[in-house]
Amino acid sequence: MPNTRQLRSAFCRSTLLLHCGLMGLLLAGCGEKAPHLEATVTSPVGRPCVCAHCNEKIDNVTEEHLVKVGGIEHVVCDKQCRADLKKWIAEQ
């Protein structure tokens, strides 16, 4: 007949194995991976847009319409809006 120490040791081992097994199943989940999403950078060039300063419609954005202020690219309709937008952002 096993003594109390042996029974306690066997119980601890079986409990530990049970917990390890359950944690393994929990961490494994259902085995499905999340879909791989890939970021794509789109440009407003060649598309219609509105001026970021005066909201005037621009039928076909070109490189001349783009201005980068503080690392963010904006679309403007002309040189005056470009200057006004830069001034307005600087005052923020």
PDB file of N, CA and C in Angstrom:
ATOM      1  N   MET A   1       0.850  -1.176   0.000  1.00  0.00           N
ATOM      2  CA  MET A   1       0.000   0.000   0.000  1.00  0.00           C
ATOM      3  C   MET A   1       0.893   1.236   0.000  1.00  0.00           C
ATOM      4  N   PRO A   2       0.621   2.201  -0.942  1.00  0.00           N
ATOM      5  CA  PRO A   2       1.448   3.407  -1.019  1.00  0.00           C
ATOM      6  C   PRO A   2       1.225   4.293   0.200  1.00  0.00           C
ATOM      7  N   ASN A   3       2.298   4.948   0.592  1.00  0.00           N
ATOM      8  CA  ASN A   3       2.162   5.842   1.743  1.00  0.00           C
ATOM      9  C   ASN A   3       1.614   7.200   1.305  1.00  0.00           C
ATOM     10  N   THR A   4       1.352   8.062   2.266  1.00  0.00           N
ATOM     11  CA  THR A   4       0.755   9.376   2.011  1.00  0.00           C
ATOM     12  C   THR A   4       1.666  10.248   1.152  1.00  0.00           C
ATOM     13  N   ARG A   5       2.953  10.159   1.391  1.00  0.00           N
ATOM     14  CA  ARG A   5       3.907  10.978   0.629  1.00  0.00           C
ATOM     15  C   ARG A   5       3.888  10.593  -0.851  1.00  0.00           C
ATOM     16  N   GLN A   6       3.830   9.312  -1.146  1.00  0.00           N
ATOM     17  CA  GLN A   6       3.785   8.859  -2.529  1.00  0.00           C
ATOM     18  C   GLN A   6       2.485   9.291  -3.205  1.00  0.00           C
ATOM     19  N   LEU A   7       1.377   9.176  -2.472  1.00  0.00           N
ATOM     20  CA  LEU A   7       0.089   9.605  -3.033  1.00  0.00           C
ATOM     21  C   LEU A   7       0.080  11.104  -3.327  1.00  0.00           C
ATOM     22  N   ARG A   8       0.611  11.891  -2.387  1.00  0.00           N
ATOM     23  CA  ARG A   8       0.668  13.333  -2.565  1.00  0.00           C
ATOM     24  C   ARG A   8       1.555  13.695  -3.764  1.00  0.00           C
ATOM     25  N   SER A   9       2.672  13.011  -3.911  1.00  0.00           N
ATOM     26  CA  SER A   9       3.593  13.256  -5.010  1.00  0.00           C
ATOM     27  C   SER A   9       2.936  12.916  -6.350  1.00  0.00           C
ATOM     28  N   ALA A  10       2.251  11.789  -6.415  1.00  0.00           N
ATOM     29  CA  ALA A  10       1.563  11.389  -7.642  1.00  0.00           C
ATOM     30  C   ALA A  10       0.445  12.369  -7.979  1.00  0.00           C
ATOM     31  N   PHE A  11      -0.273  12.824  -6.966  1.00  0.00           N
ATOM     32  CA  PHE A  11      -1.351  13.792  -7.182  1.00  0.00           C
ATOM     33  C   PHE A  11      -0.789  15.118  -7.721  1.00  0.00           C
ATOM     34  N   CYS A  12       0.320  15.570  -7.137  1.00  0.00           N
ATOM     35  CA  CYS A  12       0.939  16.828  -7.587  1.00  0.00           C
ATOM     36  C   CYS A  12       1.414  16.716  -9.027  1.00  0.00           C
ATOM     37  N   ARG A  13       2.035  15.576  -9.373  1.00  0.00           N
ATOM     38  CA  ARG A  13       2.504  15.379 -10.739  1.00  0.00           C
ATOM     39  C   ARG A  13       1.340  15.358 -11.726  1.00  0.00           C
ATOM     40  N   SER A  14       0.294  14.650 -11.402  1.00  0.00           N
ATOM     41  CA  SER A  14      -0.847  14.558 -12.319  1.00  0.00           C
ATOM     42  C   SER A  14      -1.548  15.912 -12.446  1.00  0.00           C
ATOM     43  N   THR A  15      -1.635  16.651 -11.347  1.00  0.00           N
ATOM     44  CA  THR A  15      -2.235  17.985 -11.395  1.00  0.00           C
ATOM     45  C   THR A  15      -1.390  18.927 -12.250  1.00  0.00           C
ATOM     46  N   LEU A  16      -0.086  18.855 -12.080  1.00  0.00           N
ATOM     47  CA  LEU A  16       0.818  19.694 -12.867  1.00  0.00           C
ATOM     48  C   LEU A  16       0.710  19.354 -14.345  1.00  0.00           C
ATOM     49  N   LEU A  17       0.700  18.088 -14.693  1.00  0.00           N
ATOM     50  CA  LEU A  17       0.569  17.683 -16.092  1.00  0.00           C
ATOM     51  C   LEU A  17      -0.772  18.117 -16.679  1.00  0.00           C
ATOM     52  N   LEU A  18      -1.822  18.005 -15.891  1.00  0.00           N
ATOM     53  CA  LEU A  18      -3.142  18.435 -16.348  1.00  0.00           C
ATOM     54  C   LEU A  18      -3.140  19.941 -16.645  1.00  0.00           C
ATOM     55  N   HIS A  19      -2.579  20.731 -15.727  1.00  0.00           N
ATOM     56  CA  HIS A  19      -2.523  22.171 -15.928  1.00  0.00           C
ATOM     57  C   HIS A  19      -1.658  22.537 -17.136  1.00  0.00           C
ATOM     58  N   CYS A  20      -0.520  21.862 -17.289  1.00  0.00           N
ATOM     59  CA  CYS A  20       0.338  22.130 -18.453  1.00  0.00           C
ATOM     60  C   CYS A  20      -0.386  21.790 -19.750  1.00  0.00           C
ATOM     61  N   GLY A  21      -1.093  20.692 -19.752  1.00  0.00           N
ATOM     62  CA  GLY A  21      -1.852  20.299 -20.937  1.00  0.00           C
ATOM     63  C   GLY A  21      -2.944  21.298 -21.271  1.00  0.00           C
ATOM     64  N   LEU A  22      -3.669  21.743 -20.262  1.00  0.00           N
ATOM     65  CA  LEU A  22      -4.728  22.734 -20.480  1.00  0.00           C
ATOM     66  C   LEU A  22      -4.160  24.063 -20.970  1.00  0.00           C
ATOM     67  N   MET A  23      -3.036  24.478 -20.408  1.00  0.00           N
ATOM     68  CA  MET A  23      -2.408  25.726 -20.859  1.00  0.00           C
ATOM     69  C   MET A  23      -1.935  25.598 -22.306  1.00  0.00           C
ATOM     70  N   GLY A  24      -1.412  24.438 -22.649  1.00  0.00           N
ATOM     71  CA  GLY A  24      -0.995  24.203 -24.036  1.00  0.00           C
ATOM     72  C   GLY A  24      -2.158  24.307 -24.996  1.00  0.00           C
ATOM     73  N   LEU A  25      -3.286  23.718 -24.636  1.00  0.00           N
ATOM     74  CA  LEU A  25      -4.478  23.809 -25.477  1.00  0.00           C
ATOM     75  C   LEU A  25      -4.990  25.242 -25.559  1.00  0.00           C
ATOM     76  N   LEU A  26      -4.942  25.934 -24.448  1.00  0.00           N
ATOM     77  CA  LEU A  26      -5.404  27.321 -24.426  1.00  0.00           C
ATOM     78  C   LEU A  26      -4.530  28.194 -25.318  1.00  0.00           C
ATOM     79  N   LEU A  27      -3.218  28.021 -25.227  1.00  0.00           N
ATOM     80  CA  LEU A  27      -2.309  28.821 -26.038  1.00  0.00           C
ATOM     81  C   LEU A  27      -2.368  28.452 -27.516  1.00  0.00           C
ATOM     82  N   ALA A  28      -2.668  27.194 -27.812  1.00  0.00           N
ATOM     83  CA  ALA A  28      -2.747  26.750 -29.200  1.00  0.00           C
ATOM     84  C   ALA A  28      -3.995  27.299 -29.873  1.00  0.00           C
ATOM     85  N   GLY A  29      -5.041  27.522 -29.105  1.00  0.00           N
ATOM     86  CA  GLY A  29      -6.278  28.051 -29.671  1.00  0.00           C
ATOM     87  C   GLY A  29      -6.882  27.056 -30.645  1.00  0.00           C
ATOM     88  N   CYS A  30      -7.556  27.561 -31.654  1.00  0.00           N
ATOM     89  CA  CYS A  30      -8.196  26.674 -32.613  1.00  0.00           C
ATOM     90  C   CYS A  30      -7.279  26.408 -33.801  1.00  0.00           C
ATOM     91  N   GLY A  31      -6.090  26.950 -33.800  1.00  0.00           N
ATOM     92  CA  GLY A  31      -5.128  26.668 -34.845  1.00  0.00           C
ATOM     93  C   GLY A  31      -5.252  27.548 -36.070  1.00  0.00           C
ATOM     94  N   GLU A  32      -6.198  28.458 -36.101  1.00  0.00           N
ATOM     95  CA  GLU A  32      -6.341  29.345 -37.247  1.00  0.00           C
ATOM     96  C   GLU A  32      -5.524  30.606 -37.022  1.00  0.00           C
ATOM     97  N   LYS A  33      -4.872  31.045 -38.072  1.00  0.00           N
ATOM     98  CA  LYS A  33      -4.108  32.286 -37.986  1.00  0.00           C
ATOM     99  C   LYS A  33      -4.973  33.433 -38.505  1.00  0.00           C
ATOM    100  N   ALA A  34      -4.691  34.593 -37.994  1.00  0.00           N
ATOM    101  CA  ALA A  34      -5.384  35.781 -38.494  1.00  0.00           C
ATOM    102  C   ALA A  34      -4.903  36.045 -39.921  1.00  0.00           C
ATOM    103  N   PRO A  35      -5.754  36.609 -40.763  1.00  0.00           N
ATOM    104  CA  PRO A  35      -5.321  36.885 -42.133  1.00  0.00           C
ATOM    105  C   PRO A  35      -4.182  37.897 -42.144  1.00  0.00           C
ATOM    106  N   HIS A  36      -3.261  37.702 -43.040  1.00  0.00           N
ATOM    107  CA  HIS A  36      -2.119  38.606 -43.153  1.00  0.00           C
ATOM    108  C   HIS A  36      -2.567  39.855 -43.905  1.00  0.00           C
ATOM    109  N   LEU A  37      -2.557  40.974 -43.203  1.00  0.00           N
ATOM    110  CA  LEU A  37      -2.953  42.234 -43.818  1.00  0.00           C
ATOM    111  C   LEU A  37      -1.710  42.985 -44.239  1.00  0.00           C
ATOM    112  N   GLU A  38      -1.718  43.470 -45.447  1.00  0.00           N
ATOM    113  CA  GLU A  38      -0.571  44.201 -45.953  1.00  0.00           C
ATOM    114  C   GLU A  38      -0.999  45.634 -46.239  1.00  0.00           C
ATOM    115  N   ALA A  39      -0.254  46.564 -45.667  1.00  0.00           N
ATOM    116  CA  ALA A  39      -0.572  47.977 -45.876  1.00  0.00           C
ATOM    117  C   ALA A  39      -0.174  48.393 -47.290  1.00  0.00           C
ATOM    118  N   THR A  40      -1.056  49.118 -47.936  1.00  0.00           N
ATOM    119  CA  THR A  40      -0.738  49.639 -49.257  1.00  0.00           C
ATOM    120  C   THR A  40      -0.860  51.152 -49.202  1.00  0.00           C
ATOM    121  N   VAL A  41       0.122  51.802 -49.751  1.00  0.00           N
ATOM    122  CA  VAL A  41       0.134  53.253 -49.772  1.00  0.00           C
ATOM    123  C   VAL A  41      -0.510  53.706 -51.073  1.00  0.00           C
ATOM    124  N   THR A  42      -1.523  54.540 -50.939  1.00  0.00           N
ATOM    125  CA  THR A  42      -2.177  55.073 -52.127  1.00  0.00           C
ATOM    126  C   THR A  42      -1.879  56.556 -52.231  1.00  0.00           C
ATOM    127  N   SER A  43      -1.853  57.033 -53.427  1.00  0.00           N
ATOM    128  CA  SER A  43      -1.536  58.434 -53.677  1.00  0.00           C
ATOM    129  C   SER A  43      -2.746  59.114 -54.307  1.00  0.00           C
ATOM    130  N   PRO A  44      -2.954  60.380 -53.984  1.00  0.00           N
ATOM    131  CA  PRO A  44      -4.064  61.099 -54.614  1.00  0.00           C
ATOM    132  C   PRO A  44      -3.741  61.539 -56.054  1.00  0.00           C
ATOM    133  N   VAL A  45      -2.490  61.355 -56.477  1.00  0.00           N
ATOM    134  CA  VAL A  45      -2.085  61.783 -57.818  1.00  0.00           C
ATOM    135  C   VAL A  45      -2.904  61.031 -58.863  1.00  0.00           C
ATOM    136  N   GLY A  46      -3.455  61.800 -59.805  1.00  0.00           N
ATOM    137  CA  GLY A  46      -4.263  61.222 -60.876  1.00  0.00           C
ATOM    138  C   GLY A  46      -5.717  61.015 -60.491  1.00  0.00           C
ATOM    139  N   ARG A  47      -6.108  61.480 -59.332  1.00  0.00           N
ATOM    140  CA  ARG A  47      -7.484  61.313 -58.856  1.00  0.00           C
ATOM    141  C   ARG A  47      -8.087  62.676 -58.533  1.00  0.00           C
ATOM    142  N   PRO A  48      -9.407  62.757 -58.496  1.00  0.00           N
ATOM    143  CA  PRO A  48     -10.031  63.996 -58.042  1.00  0.00           C
ATOM    144  C   PRO A  48      -9.915  64.114 -56.519  1.00  0.00           C
ATOM    145  N   CYS A  49      -9.830  65.341 -56.040  1.00  0.00           N
ATOM    146  CA  CYS A  49      -9.683  65.586 -54.606  1.00  0.00           C
ATOM    147  C   CYS A  49     -10.144  67.009 -54.319  1.00  0.00           C
ATOM    148  N   VAL A  50     -10.112  67.409 -53.057  1.00  0.00           N
ATOM    149  CA  VAL A  50     -10.428  68.783 -52.693  1.00  0.00           C
ATOM    150  C   VAL A  50      -9.231  69.381 -51.971  1.00  0.00           C
ATOM    151  N   CYS A  51      -9.086  70.676 -52.075  1.00  0.00           N
ATOM    152  CA  CYS A  51      -7.994  71.393 -51.429  1.00  0.00           C
ATOM    153  C   CYS A  51      -8.140  71.286 -49.909  1.00  0.00           C
ATOM    154  N   ALA A  52      -7.036  71.000 -49.237  1.00  0.00           N
ATOM    155  CA  ALA A  52      -7.063  70.854 -47.784  1.00  0.00           C
ATOM    156  C   ALA A  52      -7.278  72.182 -47.075  1.00  0.00           C
ATOM    157  N   HIS A  53      -7.095  73.288 -47.791  1.00  0.00           N
ATOM    158  CA  HIS A  53      -7.249  74.602 -47.156  1.00  0.00           C
ATOM    159  C   HIS A  53      -8.585  75.261 -47.487  1.00  0.00           C
ATOM    160  N   CYS A  54      -8.923  75.342 -48.770  1.00  0.00           N
ATOM    161  CA  CYS A  54     -10.137  76.081 -49.151  1.00  0.00           C
ATOM    162  C   CYS A  54     -11.280  75.187 -49.625  1.00  0.00           C
ATOM    163  N   ASN A  55     -11.059  73.861 -49.677  1.00  0.00           N
ATOM    164  CA  ASN A  55     -12.064  72.883 -50.104  1.00  0.00           C
ATOM    165  C   ASN A  55     -12.495  73.028 -51.557  1.00  0.00           C
ATOM    166  N   GLU A  56     -11.684  73.676 -52.380  1.00  0.00           N
ATOM    167  CA  GLU A  56     -11.980  73.775 -53.804  1.00  0.00           C
ATOM    168  C   GLU A  56     -11.737  72.419 -54.455  1.00  0.00           C
ATOM    169  N   LYS A  57     -12.608  72.040 -55.390  1.00  0.00           N
ATOM    170  CA  LYS A  57     -12.481  70.740 -56.052  1.00  0.00           C
ATOM    171  C   LYS A  57     -11.326  70.779 -57.048  1.00  0.00           C
ATOM    172  N   ILE A  58     -10.497  69.739 -57.010  1.00  0.00           N
ATOM    173  CA  ILE A  58      -9.397  69.571 -57.960  1.00  0.00           C
ATOM    174  C   ILE A  58      -9.731  68.323 -58.766  1.00  0.00           C
ATOM    175  N   ASP A  59      -9.891  68.480 -60.081  1.00  0.00           N
ATOM    176  CA  ASP A  59     -10.316  67.365 -60.931  1.00  0.00           C
ATOM    177  C   ASP A  59      -9.248  66.287 -61.079  1.00  0.00           C
ATOM    178  N   ASN A  60      -7.978  66.699 -61.224  1.00  0.00           N
ATOM    179  CA  ASN A  60      -6.898  65.738 -61.419  1.00  0.00           C
ATOM    180  C   ASN A  60      -5.677  66.215 -60.632  1.00  0.00           C
ATOM    181  N   VAL A  61      -5.388  65.558 -59.515  1.00  0.00           N
ATOM    182  CA  VAL A  61      -4.266  65.949 -58.664  1.00  0.00           C
ATOM    183  C   VAL A  61      -2.953  65.574 -59.350  1.00  0.00           C
ATOM    184  N   THR A  62      -1.994  66.530 -59.328  1.00  0.00           N
ATOM    185  CA  THR A  62      -0.652  66.285 -59.847  1.00  0.00           C
ATOM    186  C   THR A  62       0.342  66.470 -58.700  1.00  0.00           C
ATOM    187  N   GLU A  63       1.611  66.215 -58.974  1.00  0.00           N
ATOM    188  CA  GLU A  63       2.645  66.382 -57.955  1.00  0.00           C
ATOM    189  C   GLU A  63       2.703  67.829 -57.458  1.00  0.00           C
ATOM    190  N   GLU A  64       2.345  68.788 -58.306  1.00  0.00           N
ATOM    191  CA  GLU A  64       2.365  70.209 -57.938  1.00  0.00           C
ATOM    192  C   GLU A  64       1.333  70.534 -56.855  1.00  0.00           C
ATOM    193  N   HIS A  65       0.309  69.705 -56.743  1.00  0.00           N
ATOM    194  CA  HIS A  65      -0.738  69.932 -55.740  1.00  0.00           C
ATOM    195  C   HIS A  65      -0.367  69.403 -54.360  1.00  0.00           C
ATOM    196  N   LEU A  66       0.702  68.627 -54.267  1.00  0.00           N
ATOM    197  CA  LEU A  66       1.058  67.997 -53.004  1.00  0.00           C
ATOM    198  C   LEU A  66       2.020  68.862 -52.204  1.00  0.00           C
ATOM    199  N   VAL A  67       1.775  68.958 -50.899  1.00  0.00           N
ATOM    200  CA  VAL A  67       2.664  69.670 -49.983  1.00  0.00           C
ATOM    201  C   VAL A  67       2.774  68.836 -48.710  1.00  0.00           C
ATOM    202  N   LYS A  68       3.986  68.677 -48.226  1.00  0.00           N
ATOM    203  CA  LYS A  68       4.207  67.897 -47.004  1.00  0.00           C
ATOM    204  C   LYS A  68       4.506  68.865 -45.871  1.00  0.00           C
ATOM    205  N   VAL A  69       3.677  68.814 -44.839  1.00  0.00           N
ATOM    206  CA  VAL A  69       3.846  69.674 -43.674  1.00  0.00           C
ATOM    207  C   VAL A  69       3.869  68.790 -42.430  1.00  0.00           C
ATOM    208  N   GLY A  70       4.954  68.827 -41.695  1.00  0.00           N
ATOM    209  CA  GLY A  70       5.059  68.029 -40.479  1.00  0.00           C
ATOM    210  C   GLY A  70       4.976  66.534 -40.734  1.00  0.00           C
ATOM    211  N   GLY A  71       5.451  66.087 -41.886  1.00  0.00           N
ATOM    212  CA  GLY A  71       5.433  64.665 -42.207  1.00  0.00           C
ATOM    213  C   GLY A  71       4.115  64.173 -42.772  1.00  0.00           C
ATOM    214  N   ILE A  72       3.139  65.056 -42.913  1.00  0.00           N
ATOM    215  CA  ILE A  72       1.833  64.678 -43.452  1.00  0.00           C
ATOM    216  C   ILE A  72       1.647  65.364 -44.794  1.00  0.00           C
ATOM    217  N   GLU A  73       1.239  64.586 -45.787  1.00  0.00           N
ATOM    218  CA  GLU A  73       1.054  65.128 -47.128  1.00  0.00           C
ATOM    219  C   GLU A  73      -0.370  65.654 -47.290  1.00  0.00           C
ATOM    220  N   HIS A  74      -0.468  66.870 -47.809  1.00  0.00           N
ATOM    221  CA  HIS A  74      -1.763  67.519 -48.036  1.00  0.00           C
ATOM    222  C   HIS A  74      -1.895  67.860 -49.511  1.00  0.00           C
ATOM    223  N   VAL A  75      -3.134  68.001 -49.961  1.00  0.00           N
ATOM    224  CA  VAL A  75      -3.423  68.407 -51.333  1.00  0.00           C
ATOM    225  C   VAL A  75      -3.922  69.838 -51.285  1.00  0.00           C
ATOM    226  N   VAL A  76      -3.289  70.722 -52.072  1.00  0.00           N
ATOM    227  CA  VAL A  76      -3.705  72.119 -52.150  1.00  0.00           C
ATOM    228  C   VAL A  76      -3.917  72.498 -53.610  1.00  0.00           C
ATOM    229  N   CYS A  77      -4.733  73.528 -53.828  1.00  0.00           N
ATOM    230  CA  CYS A  77      -5.077  73.887 -55.204  1.00  0.00           C
ATOM    231  C   CYS A  77      -4.072  74.837 -55.847  1.00  0.00           C
ATOM    232  N   ASP A  78      -3.416  75.686 -55.059  1.00  0.00           N
ATOM    233  CA  ASP A  78      -2.454  76.620 -55.651  1.00  0.00           C
ATOM    234  C   ASP A  78      -1.411  77.046 -54.624  1.00  0.00           C
ATOM    235  N   LYS A  79      -0.507  77.939 -55.059  1.00  0.00           N
ATOM    236  CA  LYS A  79       0.592  78.380 -54.192  1.00  0.00           C
ATOM    237  C   LYS A  79       0.083  79.168 -52.987  1.00  0.00           C
ATOM    238  N   GLN A  80      -0.978  79.941 -53.174  1.00  0.00           N
ATOM    239  CA  GLN A  80      -1.524  80.725 -52.070  1.00  0.00           C
ATOM    240  C   GLN A  80      -2.084  79.812 -50.976  1.00  0.00           C
ATOM    241  N   CYS A  81      -2.820  78.792 -51.365  1.00  0.00           N
ATOM    242  CA  CYS A  81      -3.349  77.848 -50.376  1.00  0.00           C
ATOM    243  C   CYS A  81      -2.216  77.069 -49.724  1.00  0.00           C
ATOM    244  N   ARG A  82      -1.166  76.784 -50.472  1.00  0.00           N
ATOM    245  CA  ARG A  82      -0.008  76.100 -49.910  1.00  0.00           C
ATOM    246  C   ARG A  82       0.588  76.927 -48.775  1.00  0.00           C
ATOM    247  N   ALA A  83       0.805  78.216 -49.031  1.00  0.00           N
ATOM    248  CA  ALA A  83       1.375  79.105 -48.016  1.00  0.00           C
ATOM    249  C   ALA A  83       0.419  79.277 -46.838  1.00  0.00           C
ATOM    250  N   ASP A  84      -0.868  79.462 -47.119  1.00  0.00           N
ATOM    251  CA  ASP A  84      -1.856  79.644 -46.055  1.00  0.00           C
ATOM    252  C   ASP A  84      -1.985  78.397 -45.178  1.00  0.00           C
ATOM    253  N   LEU A  85      -1.942  77.215 -45.803  1.00  0.00           N
ATOM    254  CA  LEU A  85      -2.045  75.970 -45.044  1.00  0.00           C
ATOM    255  C   LEU A  85      -0.827  75.793 -44.137  1.00  0.00           C
ATOM    256  N   LYS A  86       0.359  76.054 -44.673  1.00  0.00           N
ATOM    257  CA  LYS A  86       1.576  75.948 -43.856  1.00  0.00           C
ATOM    258  C   LYS A  86       1.514  76.900 -42.673  1.00  0.00           C
ATOM    259  N   LYS A  87       1.048  78.136 -42.925  1.00  0.00           N
ATOM    260  CA  LYS A  87       0.930  79.135 -41.851  1.00  0.00           C
ATOM    261  C   LYS A  87      -0.095  78.674 -40.801  1.00  0.00           C
ATOM    262  N   TRP A  88      -1.234  78.181 -41.265  1.00  0.00           N
ATOM    263  CA  TRP A  88      -2.284  77.740 -40.346  1.00  0.00           C
ATOM    264  C   TRP A  88      -1.819  76.574 -39.486  1.00  0.00           C
ATOM    265  N   ILE A  89      -1.124  75.605 -40.072  1.00  0.00           N
ATOM    266  CA  ILE A  89      -0.635  74.451 -39.323  1.00  0.00           C
ATOM    267  C   ILE A  89       0.442  74.888 -38.321  1.00  0.00           C
ATOM    268  N   ALA A  90       1.298  75.825 -38.706  1.00  0.00           N
ATOM    269  CA  ALA A  90       2.344  76.306 -37.803  1.00  0.00           C
ATOM    270  C   ALA A  90       1.756  76.995 -36.583  1.00  0.00           C
ATOM    271  N   GLU A  91       0.600  77.614 -36.743  1.00  0.00           N
ATOM    272  CA  GLU A  91      -0.037  78.328 -35.640  1.00  0.00           C
ATOM    273  C   GLU A  91      -0.782  77.413 -34.671  1.00  0.00           C
ATOM    274  N   GLN A  92      -0.961  76.168 -35.049  1.00  0.00           N
ATOM    275  CA  GLN A  92      -1.711  75.221 -34.204  1.00  0.00           C
ATOM    276  C   GLN A  92      -0.947  74.862 -32.961  1.00  0.00           C
TER     277      GLN A  92
END
